[in-house]
Amino acid sequence: MAQMQPISGGKIEPMSDVVYDLATVLSNCGEAVDALNQYINDAKSANDQDALRLFEQLRDDEIRHCDMTRSLISKLAKQGAF
């Protein structure tokens, strides 16, 4: 789903599907990490060590995915593609 993005000179150019997708993935990463932090707190409150370990591992994996996405966005930005 291409979105419009301004470029130099005020001209509006469509954002590529990949750039839009990467921005969406990064946004969703943040939401997932926030939710998993709440689940971790819930597991701690319930003293459920199995759920706590699972939620912490899922959060850590999600943070790694967020970092991977941020890294690619940074690379694309340096190339002028983002």
N, C-alpha and C. Protein backbone atom coordinates (compact mmCIF):
# COMPACT_ATOMS: atom_id res chain seq x y z
N MET A 1 0.85 -1.17 0.00
CA MET A 1 0.00 0.00 0.00
C MET A 1 0.89 1.23 0.00
N ALA A 2 1.04 1.87 -1.11
CA ALA A 2 1.90 3.04 -1.23
C ALA A 2 1.25 4.24 -0.56
N GLN A 3 2.05 5.01 0.15
CA GLN A 3 1.61 6.24 0.78
C GLN A 3 2.37 7.38 0.12
N MET A 4 1.90 8.59 0.31
CA MET A 4 2.55 9.75 -0.27
C MET A 4 3.55 10.32 0.73
N GLN A 5 4.72 10.70 0.23
CA GLN A 5 5.72 11.32 1.07
C GLN A 5 6.33 12.50 0.34
N PRO A 6 6.54 13.63 1.05
CA PRO A 6 7.14 14.79 0.39
C PRO A 6 8.63 14.55 0.15
N ILE A 7 9.12 15.07 -0.96
CA ILE A 7 10.55 15.05 -1.22
C ILE A 7 10.99 16.48 -1.43
N SER A 8 12.28 16.69 -1.64
CA SER A 8 12.78 18.05 -1.77
C SER A 8 12.05 18.79 -2.87
N GLY A 9 11.87 20.06 -2.66
CA GLY A 9 11.16 20.90 -3.62
C GLY A 9 9.66 20.89 -3.41
N GLY A 10 9.19 20.19 -2.36
CA GLY A 10 7.78 20.17 -2.06
C GLY A 10 6.97 19.20 -2.89
N LYS A 11 7.61 18.53 -3.82
CA LYS A 11 6.90 17.57 -4.66
C LYS A 11 6.56 16.32 -3.85
N ILE A 12 5.37 15.82 -4.03
CA ILE A 12 4.91 14.62 -3.31
C ILE A 12 5.14 13.40 -4.20
N GLU A 13 5.84 12.42 -3.63
CA GLU A 13 6.11 11.16 -4.34
C GLU A 13 5.53 10.02 -3.51
N PRO A 14 5.06 8.97 -4.16
CA PRO A 14 4.54 7.84 -3.38
C PRO A 14 5.66 7.14 -2.63
N MET A 15 5.33 6.72 -1.41
CA MET A 15 6.24 5.93 -0.60
C MET A 15 6.15 4.50 -1.12
N SER A 16 7.27 3.85 -1.29
CA SER A 16 7.23 2.48 -1.79
C SER A 16 6.53 1.56 -0.79
N ASP A 17 6.02 0.48 -1.30
CA ASP A 17 5.35 -0.49 -0.44
C ASP A 17 6.31 -1.01 0.63
N VAL A 18 7.56 -1.25 0.25
CA VAL A 18 8.53 -1.80 1.20
C VAL A 18 8.82 -0.80 2.32
N VAL A 19 8.99 0.47 1.98
CA VAL A 19 9.23 1.50 3.00
C VAL A 19 8.03 1.59 3.94
N TYR A 20 6.85 1.60 3.39
CA TYR A 20 5.63 1.64 4.21
C TYR A 20 5.56 0.41 5.11
N ASP A 21 5.85 -0.76 4.54
CA ASP A 21 5.82 -2.01 5.31
C ASP A 21 6.81 -1.98 6.46
N LEU A 22 8.02 -1.48 6.20
CA LEU A 22 9.04 -1.41 7.26
C LEU A 22 8.60 -0.47 8.38
N ALA A 23 8.03 0.67 8.02
CA ALA A 23 7.54 1.60 9.04
C ALA A 23 6.41 0.97 9.85
N THR A 24 5.55 0.22 9.20
CA THR A 24 4.45 -0.46 9.89
C THR A 24 4.98 -1.54 10.82
N VAL A 25 5.95 -2.32 10.34
CA VAL A 25 6.55 -3.37 11.18
C VAL A 25 7.17 -2.75 12.43
N LEU A 26 7.90 -1.65 12.27
CA LEU A 26 8.54 -1.02 13.41
C LEU A 26 7.50 -0.51 14.41
N SER A 27 6.43 0.07 13.93
CA SER A 27 5.37 0.52 14.81
C SER A 27 4.75 -0.65 15.56
N ASN A 28 4.50 -1.74 14.84
CA ASN A 28 3.91 -2.92 15.48
C ASN A 28 4.86 -3.55 16.49
N CYS A 29 6.16 -3.47 16.23
CA CYS A 29 7.15 -3.98 17.18
C CYS A 29 7.00 -3.29 18.53
N GLY A 30 6.93 -1.98 18.48
CA GLY A 30 6.79 -1.22 19.73
C GLY A 30 5.55 -1.60 20.50
N GLU A 31 4.45 -1.77 19.79
CA GLU A 31 3.21 -2.17 20.45
C GLU A 31 3.33 -3.56 21.05
N ALA A 32 3.99 -4.47 20.33
CA ALA A 32 4.15 -5.84 20.84
C ALA A 32 5.03 -5.86 22.09
N VAL A 33 6.10 -5.08 22.09
CA VAL A 33 6.98 -5.03 23.27
C VAL A 33 6.21 -4.46 24.46
N ASP A 34 5.42 -3.42 24.25
CA ASP A 34 4.62 -2.85 25.34
C ASP A 34 3.66 -3.89 25.90
N ALA A 35 2.98 -4.62 25.02
CA ALA A 35 2.03 -5.64 25.47
C ALA A 35 2.76 -6.75 26.25
N LEU A 36 3.88 -7.19 25.73
CA LEU A 36 4.62 -8.26 26.41
C LEU A 36 5.15 -7.80 27.76
N ASN A 37 5.52 -6.55 27.89
CA ASN A 37 5.92 -6.03 29.20
C ASN A 37 4.78 -6.12 30.20
N GLN A 38 3.56 -5.85 29.74
CA GLN A 38 2.39 -5.98 30.62
C GLN A 38 2.16 -7.44 30.99
N TYR A 39 2.32 -8.34 30.02
CA TYR A 39 2.15 -9.76 30.30
C TYR A 39 3.20 -10.25 31.30
N ILE A 40 4.41 -9.72 31.20
CA ILE A 40 5.48 -10.07 32.15
C ILE A 40 5.07 -9.63 33.55
N ASN A 41 4.56 -8.42 33.66
CA ASN A 41 4.09 -7.94 34.97
C ASN A 41 2.97 -8.80 35.51
N ASP A 42 2.04 -9.21 34.65
CA ASP A 42 0.94 -10.08 35.07
C ASP A 42 1.46 -11.42 35.58
N ALA A 43 2.43 -12.00 34.85
CA ALA A 43 2.99 -13.29 35.26
C ALA A 43 3.73 -13.16 36.59
N LYS A 44 4.45 -12.04 36.77
CA LYS A 44 5.12 -11.81 38.06
C LYS A 44 4.11 -11.71 39.18
N SER A 45 3.02 -10.98 38.94
CA SER A 45 1.98 -10.83 39.97
C SER A 45 1.34 -12.16 40.33
N ALA A 46 1.21 -13.02 39.32
CA ALA A 46 0.60 -14.34 39.54
C ALA A 46 1.63 -15.37 40.01
N ASN A 47 2.89 -14.95 40.11
CA ASN A 47 3.98 -15.85 40.49
C ASN A 47 4.01 -17.09 39.58
N ASP A 48 3.82 -16.85 38.29
CA ASP A 48 3.82 -17.94 37.30
C ASP A 48 5.14 -17.89 36.54
N GLN A 49 6.09 -18.68 36.99
CA GLN A 49 7.44 -18.65 36.43
C GLN A 49 7.50 -19.15 34.98
N ASP A 50 6.66 -20.13 34.64
CA ASP A 50 6.66 -20.63 33.26
C ASP A 50 6.19 -19.56 32.29
N ALA A 51 5.09 -18.90 32.64
CA ALA A 51 4.58 -17.83 31.78
C ALA A 51 5.57 -16.67 31.73
N LEU A 52 6.18 -16.37 32.87
CA LEU A 52 7.15 -15.28 32.93
C LEU A 52 8.31 -15.55 31.97
N ARG A 53 8.87 -16.76 32.01
CA ARG A 53 9.98 -17.09 31.12
C ARG A 53 9.56 -16.99 29.65
N LEU A 54 8.37 -17.49 29.33
CA LEU A 54 7.87 -17.43 27.96
C LEU A 54 7.73 -15.98 27.50
N PHE A 55 7.06 -15.16 28.31
CA PHE A 55 6.83 -13.76 27.92
C PHE A 55 8.15 -13.00 27.79
N GLU A 56 9.11 -13.27 28.67
CA GLU A 56 10.40 -12.60 28.58
C GLU A 56 11.14 -13.01 27.30
N GLN A 57 11.07 -14.29 26.97
CA GLN A 57 11.72 -14.74 25.74
C GLN A 57 11.05 -14.14 24.51
N LEU A 58 9.72 -14.11 24.50
CA LEU A 58 9.00 -13.51 23.38
C LEU A 58 9.35 -12.03 23.25
N ARG A 59 9.41 -11.32 24.39
CA ARG A 59 9.77 -9.89 24.36
C ARG A 59 11.18 -9.69 23.83
N ASP A 60 12.11 -10.51 24.31
CA ASP A 60 13.49 -10.38 23.85
C ASP A 60 13.61 -10.65 22.35
N ASP A 61 12.88 -11.65 21.86
CA ASP A 61 12.86 -11.92 20.42
C ASP A 61 12.27 -10.75 19.65
N GLU A 62 11.19 -10.19 20.18
CA GLU A 62 10.54 -9.05 19.52
C GLU A 62 11.46 -7.84 19.48
N ILE A 63 12.19 -7.60 20.57
CA ILE A 63 13.14 -6.48 20.59
C ILE A 63 14.23 -6.72 19.54
N ARG A 64 14.68 -7.95 19.41
CA ARG A 64 15.68 -8.27 18.38
C ARG A 64 15.11 -7.97 16.99
N HIS A 65 13.85 -8.33 16.76
CA HIS A 65 13.22 -8.05 15.47
C HIS A 65 13.09 -6.54 15.24
N CYS A 66 12.76 -5.81 16.29
CA CYS A 66 12.68 -4.35 16.18
C CYS A 66 14.04 -3.78 15.79
N ASP A 67 15.09 -4.28 16.43
CA ASP A 67 16.44 -3.79 16.13
C ASP A 67 16.82 -4.10 14.69
N MET A 68 16.46 -5.28 14.20
CA MET A 68 16.74 -5.64 12.81
C MET A 68 16.03 -4.68 11.85
N THR A 69 14.78 -4.37 12.17
CA THR A 69 13.99 -3.47 11.32
C THR A 69 14.57 -2.06 11.35
N ARG A 70 14.91 -1.58 12.55
CA ARG A 70 15.52 -0.25 12.67
C ARG A 70 16.82 -0.17 11.88
N SER A 71 17.60 -1.22 11.93
CA SER A 71 18.88 -1.25 11.22
C SER A 71 18.66 -1.12 9.71
N LEU A 72 17.70 -1.84 9.18
CA LEU A 72 17.43 -1.76 7.75
C LEU A 72 16.87 -0.39 7.37
N ILE A 73 16.00 0.16 8.20
CA ILE A 73 15.47 1.50 7.94
C ILE A 73 16.61 2.51 7.92
N SER A 74 17.54 2.39 8.86
CA SER A 74 18.69 3.29 8.92
C SER A 74 19.54 3.17 7.65
N LYS A 75 19.77 1.95 7.22
CA LYS A 75 20.54 1.72 5.99
C LYS A 75 19.86 2.37 4.79
N LEU A 76 18.55 2.17 4.69
CA LEU A 76 17.80 2.74 3.58
C LEU A 76 17.79 4.27 3.63
N ALA A 77 17.69 4.82 4.84
CA ALA A 77 17.70 6.27 5.00
C ALA A 77 19.03 6.86 4.54
N LYS A 78 20.12 6.19 4.86
CA LYS A 78 21.43 6.66 4.44
C LYS A 78 21.58 6.60 2.92
N GLN A 79 20.85 5.67 2.30
CA GLN A 79 20.87 5.54 0.84
C GLN A 79 19.87 6.48 0.17
N GLY A 80 19.07 7.19 1.00
CA GLY A 80 18.07 8.10 0.47
C GLY A 80 16.79 7.42 0.02
N ALA A 81 16.62 6.18 0.41
CA ALA A 81 15.44 5.43 -0.03
C ALA A 81 14.32 5.44 1.00
N PHE A 82 14.55 6.05 2.15
CA PHE A 82 13.52 6.04 3.21
C PHE A 82 13.20 7.45 3.59
